[in-house]
Structure formats: C-alpha cells, structure tokens
C-alpha atoms as a PDB file:
ATOM      1  CA  MET A   1      12.680 -48.298   1.220  1.00  0.00           C
ATOM      2  CA  ALA A   2      10.874 -51.360  -0.119  1.00  0.00           C
ATOM      3  CA  GLY A   3       7.582 -49.654  -0.961  1.00  0.00           C
ATOM      4  CA  THR A   4       6.695 -46.931  -3.433  1.00  0.00           C
ATOM      5  CA  ARG A   5       5.371 -43.661  -2.043  1.00  0.00           C
ATOM      6  CA  GLU A   6       2.963 -41.426  -3.955  1.00  0.00           C
ATOM      7  CA  ASP A   7       1.915 -38.063  -2.545  1.00  0.00           C
ATOM      8  CA  TRP A   8      -1.640 -36.931  -3.302  1.00  0.00           C
ATOM      9  CA  PHE A   9      -3.778 -33.924  -2.366  1.00  0.00           C
ATOM     10  CA  PRO A  10      -0.861 -31.561  -1.735  1.00  0.00           C
ATOM     11  CA  THR A  11      -1.530 -28.120  -0.279  1.00  0.00           C
ATOM     12  CA  SER A  12       0.744 -25.455  -1.732  1.00  0.00           C
ATOM     13  CA  VAL A  13       1.552 -22.063  -0.228  1.00  0.00           C
ATOM     14  CA  TRP A  14       3.372 -19.711  -2.573  1.00  0.00           C
ATOM     15  CA  TYR A  15       5.466 -16.746  -1.532  1.00  0.00           C
ATOM     16  CA  PHE A  16       7.099 -14.000  -3.555  1.00  0.00           C
ATOM     17  CA  GLN A  17       9.367 -11.110  -2.719  1.00  0.00           C
ATOM     18  CA  VAL A  18       7.991  -8.222  -4.752  1.00  0.00           C
ATOM     19  CA  ALA A  19      10.592  -6.245  -6.696  1.00  0.00           C
ATOM     20  CA  ASP A  20      11.030  -2.561  -5.805  1.00  0.00           C
ATOM     21  CA  HIS A  21       8.688  -3.029  -2.851  1.00  0.00           C
ATOM     22  CA  GLU A  22      10.145  -0.070  -0.913  1.00  0.00           C
ATOM     23  CA  ARG A  23       8.694   2.430  -3.390  1.00  0.00           C
ATOM     24  CA  LEU A  24       5.429   0.505  -3.720  1.00  0.00           C
ATOM     25  CA  ASN A  25       5.015   0.169   0.053  1.00  0.00           C
ATOM     26  CA  ALA A  26       5.601   3.873   0.666  1.00  0.00           C
ATOM     27  CA  GLU A  27       2.774   4.667  -1.759  1.00  0.00           C
ATOM     28  CA  LEU A  28       0.483   1.981  -0.355  1.00  0.00           C
ATOM     29  CA  LEU A  29       1.034   3.110   3.221  1.00  0.00           C
ATOM     30  CA  GLN A  30      -0.118   6.620   2.334  1.00  0.00           C
ATOM     31  CA  LEU A  31      -3.173   5.298   0.491  1.00  0.00           C
ATOM     32  CA  ILE A  32      -4.164   2.993   3.356  1.00  0.00           C
ATOM     33  CA  GLU A  33      -3.729   5.755   5.946  1.00  0.00           C
ATOM     34  CA  ALA A  34      -5.928   8.056   3.855  1.00  0.00           C
ATOM     35  CA  GLU A  35      -8.576   5.332   3.625  1.00  0.00           C
ATOM     36  CA  ARG A  36      -8.469   4.758   7.383  1.00  0.00           C
ATOM     37  CA  ARG A  37      -8.935   8.486   8.028  1.00  0.00           C
ATOM     38  CA  ARG A  38     -11.877   8.488   5.624  1.00  0.00           C
ATOM     39  CA  ASP A  39     -13.491   5.352   7.105  1.00  0.00           C
ATOM     40  CA  THR A  40     -12.415   5.150  10.739  1.00  0.00           C
ATOM     41  CA  ARG A  41     -14.846   2.350  11.633  1.00  0.00           C
ATOM     42  CA  GLY A  42     -14.013   0.050   8.748  1.00  0.00           C
ATOM     43  CA  VAL A  43     -15.566  -3.396   8.278  1.00  0.00           C
ATOM     44  CA  THR A  44     -16.368  -5.041  11.613  1.00  0.00           C
ATOM     45  CA  ASP A  45     -17.937  -8.416  10.732  1.00  0.00           C
ATOM     46  CA  ARG A  46     -14.820 -10.246   9.501  1.00  0.00           C
ATOM     47  CA  SER A  47     -11.972 -12.140  11.192  1.00  0.00           C
ATOM     48  CA  SER A  48     -10.188  -9.059  12.537  1.00  0.00           C
ATOM     49  CA  VAL A  49      -9.689  -8.943  16.316  1.00  0.00           C
ATOM     50  CA  LEU A  50      -8.950  -5.420  17.595  1.00  0.00           C
ATOM     51  CA  GLY A  51      -7.636  -4.373  14.178  1.00  0.00           C
ATOM     52  CA  TRP A  52      -8.964  -2.182  11.367  1.00  0.00           C
ATOM     53  CA  HIS A  53     -10.308  -3.772   8.146  1.00  0.00           C
ATOM     54  CA  SER A  54     -11.033  -1.574   5.138  1.00  0.00           C
ATOM     55  CA  ALA A  55     -13.813  -1.897   2.595  1.00  0.00           C
ATOM     56  CA  THR A  56     -13.212  -4.759   0.148  1.00  0.00           C
ATOM     57  CA  ASP A  57     -13.283  -2.791  -3.118  1.00  0.00           C
ATOM     58  CA  LEU A  58      -9.741  -1.409  -3.160  1.00  0.00           C
ATOM     59  CA  HIS A  59      -8.979  -3.362  -6.358  1.00  0.00           C
ATOM     60  CA  ARG A  60     -11.505  -1.192  -8.221  1.00  0.00           C
ATOM     61  CA  ARG A  61      -9.863   2.083  -7.245  1.00  0.00           C
ATOM     62  CA  PRO A  62      -7.416   3.636  -9.730  1.00  0.00           C
ATOM     63  CA  GLU A  63      -4.872   4.501  -7.028  1.00  0.00           C
ATOM     64  CA  PHE A  64      -4.415   0.781  -6.251  1.00  0.00           C
ATOM     65  CA  ALA A  65      -4.005  -0.244  -9.917  1.00  0.00           C
ATOM     66  CA  ALA A  66      -0.236  -0.778  -9.659  1.00  0.00           C
ATOM     67  CA  PHE A  67      -0.693  -3.120  -6.707  1.00  0.00           C
ATOM     68  CA  VAL A  68      -3.492  -5.050  -8.433  1.00  0.00           C
ATOM     69  CA  GLU A  69      -1.183  -5.622 -11.408  1.00  0.00           C
ATOM     70  CA  VAL A  70       1.453  -7.100  -9.076  1.00  0.00           C
ATOM     71  CA  VAL A  71      -1.199  -9.406  -7.609  1.00  0.00           C
ATOM     72  CA  ARG A  72      -2.359 -10.506 -11.058  1.00  0.00           C
ATOM     73  CA  ARG A  73       1.188 -11.229 -12.226  1.00  0.00           C
ATOM     74  CA  HIS A  74       2.002 -13.492  -9.292  1.00  0.00           C
ATOM     75  CA  ALA A  75      -1.441 -15.131  -9.213  1.00  0.00           C
ATOM     76  CA  LEU A  76      -1.016 -15.926 -12.907  1.00  0.00           C
ATOM     77  CA  GLU A  77       2.162 -17.872 -12.105  1.00  0.00           C
ATOM     78  CA  VAL A  78       0.243 -19.947  -9.548  1.00  0.00           C
ATOM     79  CA  ALA A  79      -2.695 -20.500 -11.911  1.00  0.00           C
ATOM     80  CA  GLN A  80      -0.427 -21.630 -14.740  1.00  0.00           C
ATOM     81  CA  PHE A  81       1.395 -24.072 -12.470  1.00  0.00           C
ATOM     82  CA  GLN A  82      -1.966 -25.514 -11.404  1.00  0.00           C
ATOM     83  CA  ARG A  83      -2.985 -25.859 -15.072  1.00  0.00           C
ATOM     84  CA  TRP A  84      -5.955 -23.497 -14.990  1.00  0.00           C
ATOM     85  CA  ASP A  85      -7.513 -23.298 -18.460  1.00  0.00           C
ATOM     86  CA  LEU A  86      -7.046 -19.594 -19.037  1.00  0.00           C
ATOM     87  CA  GLY A  87      -8.201 -20.021 -22.627  1.00  0.00           C
ATOM     88  CA  ARG A  88     -11.735 -20.528 -21.321  1.00  0.00           C
ATOM     89  CA  GLY A  89     -11.623 -18.324 -18.234  1.00  0.00           C
ATOM     90  CA  ASP A  90     -10.122 -15.046 -17.085  1.00  0.00           C
ATOM     91  CA  LEU A  91      -8.130 -14.683 -13.888  1.00  0.00           C
ATOM     92  CA  ALA A  92      -9.602 -11.802 -11.903  1.00  0.00           C
ATOM     93  CA  VAL A  93      -9.139 -10.127  -8.537  1.00  0.00           C
ATOM     94  CA  LEU A  94     -12.505 -10.587  -6.826  1.00  0.00           C
ATOM     95  CA  ASP A  95     -11.862  -8.278  -3.884  1.00  0.00           C
ATOM     96  CA  CYS A  96      -9.031  -6.568  -2.033  1.00  0.00           C
ATOM     97  CA  TRP A  97      -8.816  -4.895   1.370  1.00  0.00           C
ATOM     98  CA  ALA A  98      -6.348  -3.447   3.855  1.00  0.00           C
ATOM     99  CA  ASN A  99      -5.684  -4.644   7.397  1.00  0.00           C
ATOM    100  CA  VAL A 100      -4.059  -2.521  10.087  1.00  0.00           C
ATOM    101  CA  ASN A 101      -3.211  -4.394  13.277  1.00  0.00           C
ATOM    102  CA  GLY A 102      -1.994  -2.335  16.191  1.00  0.00           C
ATOM    103  CA  LYS A 103      -0.622  -3.823  19.398  1.00  0.00           C
ATOM    104  CA  TYR A 104      -2.373  -7.095  20.373  1.00  0.00           C
ATOM    105  CA  ALA A 105      -4.529  -7.079  17.203  1.00  0.00           C
ATOM    106  CA  GLY A 106      -4.721 -10.176  15.023  1.00  0.00           C
ATOM    107  CA  ASN A 107      -7.160 -12.326  13.048  1.00  0.00           C
ATOM    108  CA  ALA A 108      -9.149 -15.365  14.159  1.00  0.00           C
ATOM    109  CA  TYR A 109      -9.076 -18.626  12.176  1.00  0.00           C
ATOM    110  CA  HIS A 110     -11.044 -18.306   8.942  1.00  0.00           C
ATOM    111  CA  ASN A 111     -11.023 -19.155   5.255  1.00  0.00           C
ATOM    112  CA  HIS A 112     -12.273 -17.326   2.162  1.00  0.00           C
ATOM    113  CA  PRO A 113     -15.341 -18.914   0.525  1.00  0.00           C
ATOM    114  CA  ASN A 114     -16.467 -18.407  -3.091  1.00  0.00           C
ATOM    115  CA  CYS A 115     -13.014 -17.922  -4.602  1.00  0.00           C
ATOM    116  CA  PHE A 116     -10.049 -20.067  -5.645  1.00  0.00           C
ATOM    117  CA  LEU A 117      -6.919 -18.341  -4.353  1.00  0.00           C
ATOM    118  CA  SER A 118      -6.342 -15.855  -1.555  1.00  0.00           C
ATOM    119  CA  GLY A 119      -3.320 -13.864  -0.558  1.00  0.00           C
ATOM    120  CA  ALA A 120      -1.659 -11.417   1.778  1.00  0.00           C
ATOM    121  CA  TYR A 121       0.908  -8.731   1.028  1.00  0.00           C
ATOM    122  CA  TYR A 122       2.949  -6.984   3.720  1.00  0.00           C
ATOM    123  CA  VAL A 123       3.254  -3.218   3.523  1.00  0.00           C
ATOM    124  CA  GLN A 124       4.637  -2.695   7.045  1.00  0.00           C
ATOM    125  CA  ALA A 125       5.697  -5.641   9.171  1.00  0.00           C
ATOM    126  CA  PRO A 126       7.864  -4.942  12.205  1.00  0.00           C
ATOM    127  CA  GLU A 127       9.540  -7.815  14.028  1.00  0.00           C
ATOM    128  CA  GLY A 128       7.123  -9.482  16.431  1.00  0.00           C
ATOM    129  CA  SER A 129       4.013  -8.277  14.618  1.00  0.00           C
ATOM    130  CA  GLY A 130       2.509 -11.770  14.308  1.00  0.00           C
ATOM    131  CA  ALA A 131       2.894 -14.675  11.920  1.00  0.00           C
ATOM    132  CA  LEU A 132       0.348 -15.900   9.407  1.00  0.00           C
ATOM    133  CA  VAL A 133      -0.547 -19.413  10.607  1.00  0.00           C
ATOM    134  CA  PHE A 134      -1.987 -22.152   8.386  1.00  0.00           C
ATOM    135  CA  ARG A 135      -3.725 -25.185   9.880  1.00  0.00           C
ATOM    136  CA  ASP A 136      -3.644 -28.719   8.476  1.00  0.00           C
ATOM    137  CA  PRO A 137      -6.832 -28.888   6.351  1.00  0.00           C
ATOM    138  CA  ARG A 138      -7.262 -32.607   7.060  1.00  0.00           C
ATOM    139  CA  GLU A 139      -9.473 -32.437  10.132  1.00  0.00           C
ATOM    140  CA  GLY A 140      -8.986 -36.129  10.914  1.00  0.00           C
ATOM    141  CA  ALA A 141      -5.221 -35.680  11.058  1.00  0.00           C
ATOM    142  CA  LEU A 142      -5.630 -33.268  13.974  1.00  0.00           C
ATOM    143  CA  LEU A 143      -7.371 -35.820  16.184  1.00  0.00           C
ATOM    144  CA  LEU A 144      -4.378 -38.012  16.995  1.00  0.00           C
ATOM    145  CA  SER A 145      -0.689 -38.042  16.118  1.00  0.00           C
ATOM    146  CA  PRO A 146       2.091 -40.512  16.937  1.00  0.00           C
ATOM    147  CA  PRO A 147       5.317 -39.567  18.717  1.00  0.00           C
ATOM    148  CA  LEU A 148       7.820 -38.155  16.216  1.00  0.00           C
ATOM    149  CA  THR A 149      11.588 -37.862  16.007  1.00  0.00           C
ATOM    150  CA  GLU A 150      11.088 -34.651  14.011  1.00  0.00           C
ATOM    151  CA  TYR A 151       8.340 -32.854  12.125  1.00  0.00           C
ATOM    152  CA  ALA A 152       8.070 -33.136   8.340  1.00  0.00           C
ATOM    153  CA  PRO A 153       5.632 -31.824   5.681  1.00  0.00           C
ATOM    154  CA  TRP A 154       3.447 -34.897   6.332  1.00  0.00           C
ATOM    155  CA  THR A 155       3.172 -34.324  10.097  1.00  0.00           C
ATOM    156  CA  TYR A 156       3.089 -30.566  10.730  1.00  0.00           C
ATOM    157  CA  GLN A 157      -0.257 -29.509  12.187  1.00  0.00           C
ATOM    158  CA  THR A 158       0.374 -25.786  11.747  1.00  0.00           C
ATOM    159  CA  VAL A 159       2.817 -23.814   9.620  1.00  0.00           C
ATOM    160  CA  ARG A 160       3.860 -20.232  10.354  1.00  0.00           C
ATOM    161  CA  TYR A 161       5.026 -17.563   7.913  1.00  0.00           C
ATOM    162  CA  GLN A 162       6.636 -14.506   9.443  1.00  0.00           C
ATOM    163  CA  PRO A 163       5.648 -11.262   7.723  1.00  0.00           C
ATOM    164  CA  ALA A 164       8.256  -9.175   5.921  1.00  0.00           C
ATOM    165  CA  PRO A 165       7.818  -5.956   3.947  1.00  0.00           C
ATOM    166  CA  GLY A 166       7.374  -6.757   0.256  1.00  0.00           C
ATOM    167  CA  ARG A 167       6.453 -10.423   0.810  1.00  0.00           C
ATOM    168  CA  MET A 168       3.347 -11.786  -0.885  1.00  0.00           C
ATOM    169  CA  LEU A 169       1.760 -15.112   0.074  1.00  0.00           C
ATOM    170  CA  ILE A 170      -0.787 -16.877  -2.148  1.00  0.00           C
ATOM    171  CA  PHE A 171      -2.666 -19.961  -0.969  1.00  0.00           C
ATOM    172  CA  PRO A 172      -5.878 -21.945  -1.601  1.00  0.00           C
ATOM    173  CA  SER A 173      -8.863 -19.970  -0.375  1.00  0.00           C
ATOM    174  CA  TRP A 174     -10.249 -22.964   1.537  1.00  0.00           C
ATOM    175  CA  LEU A 175      -7.111 -23.267   3.689  1.00  0.00           C
ATOM    176  CA  TYR A 176      -7.876 -22.157   7.263  1.00  0.00           C
ATOM    177  CA  HIS A 177      -5.506 -19.510   8.596  1.00  0.00           C
ATOM    178  CA  MET A 178      -5.153 -16.932  11.341  1.00  0.00           C
ATOM    179  CA  VAL A 179      -2.858 -14.056  12.289  1.00  0.00           C
ATOM    180  CA  GLU A 180      -1.085 -14.067  15.633  1.00  0.00           C
ATOM    181  CA  PRO A 181      -1.443 -10.966  17.838  1.00  0.00           C
ATOM    182  CA  ASN A 182       0.892  -8.107  17.058  1.00  0.00           C
ATOM    183  CA  LEU A 183       3.316  -7.911  20.000  1.00  0.00           C
ATOM    184  CA  SER A 184       5.365  -5.034  18.586  1.00  0.00           C
ATOM    185  CA  ASP A 185       4.772  -1.357  19.289  1.00  0.00           C
ATOM    186  CA  GLN A 186       4.376  -0.539  15.593  1.00  0.00           C
ATOM    187  CA  GLU A 187       1.338  -1.232  13.435  1.00  0.00           C
ATOM    188  CA  ARG A 188       1.374  -4.161  11.059  1.00  0.00           C
ATOM    189  CA  VAL A 189      -0.122  -3.121   7.701  1.00  0.00           C
ATOM    190  CA  SER A 190      -1.105  -5.593   5.002  1.00  0.00           C
ATOM    191  CA  LEU A 191      -3.313  -5.983   1.958  1.00  0.00           C
ATOM    192  CA  SER A 192      -5.376  -9.119   1.370  1.00  0.00           C
ATOM    193  CA  PHE A 193      -7.062 -10.284  -1.824  1.00  0.00           C
ATOM    194  CA  ASN A 194      -9.083 -13.060  -3.422  1.00  0.00           C
ATOM    195  CA  ILE A 195      -8.685 -14.512  -6.927  1.00  0.00           C
ATOM    196  CA  VAL A 196     -11.251 -16.212  -9.164  1.00  0.00           C
ATOM    197  CA  CYS A 197     -11.288 -17.631 -12.692  1.00  0.00           C
ATOM    198  CA  ARG A 198     -14.378 -16.324 -14.505  1.00  0.00           C
ATOM    199  CA  PRO A 199     -15.678 -18.270 -17.523  1.00  0.00           C
ATOM    200  CA  ARG A 200     -15.578 -16.129 -20.663  1.00  0.00           C
ATOM    201  CA  ASP A 201     -18.982 -17.312 -21.858  1.00  0.00           C
END
C-alpha cells in the first residue's frame, strides 16, 4: 500500500461475559417476574413492540444493587479506555429497566438521548430470540455503496449481536439500534441501562 491510512471517528461496541451469571440471572429473573406481576401494563411509550417494559428506576431499588455494581464495574472499564476524567466527574447509572419479549416481540430502531453510554444485559436468551442490531451512524454512508468482494468494518451497514445469557453489551448512547422479533417459544428477558458522568461541582 503506497498511502498511509488513518482511522478516525471509530464507533466501539463492548461486550462482556459476566462471571457467575447463572446465579445472578436466577435472582434477576425472579425479581423481574415479581415486577411484571406488580406492574402488568409497564411503560408503553418507548421502543418496545409487543413486549413488556418495566419502570426505569430499577437501579434505585436495593434488590437490584448487585446487578448495578456489575454494570458500574464494566462501564468503568469503558470510561477509562475512553479517557473520561473521573477525577472531575462521577460515573453513574442514570436509569435501568427490564424488557420481556415474548414471541414476535422486539424493539424498533431508537437511541438513548441525554446520556453517554447505554447497555443491555441478557438474563434469559433462548436461541432465535432476536439479535441486537446496530446501524451505521453515518447517514450519508447508507445512501450508496459500491460492489464489494467482502464486508469489512468500514463497509458494514448493520452489525448484529446474538443474545446469550450473562452477556453484557455497552455502546455509545447515540448509536441507533433495534431488537429483532423473538421467533422462539420462550421469552427473552433483558435489562437495559444508561450511564452518565456527573460533574462533582
């Protein structure tokens, strides 16, 4: 190659496999089921299509404290890599909610305004329950593309992450994403969250 290539404006998606997730997921599944029994209607003005969406204050409830600590630990790794100045600001979970998607339920394309990082954690994810799909954030790049011999990170228009129990994904909150319909006969259960960095002064 005669030229020099420099890559700018990268979009990173982080994923973690949470340790001892079997025990954690068993507890979370019970908590989410109890919340769904308590609030059968849930939140109805978000991206959920045919699914159930809990209230967004789960991070403030003592029974979810262990999960919130897992979120904070992994979000801290992302923030440190991105050189957030945590001497002048505190990493905080802004909100957290549960999603239960039965057969054919999913989520329309959306992003998460007024925060820096967002994430999803899979409590129950049967095979065929729908991938999390990210769309190229460069709108102009979606208008026209040349013929390709193969796709590469510079030419993908969408990227899919299959859910798996214990997997946590963290991504920029502005990145548009959707959830494919659940085609399995078992419910897909996940927790979503948003992260901010609050100035200490």
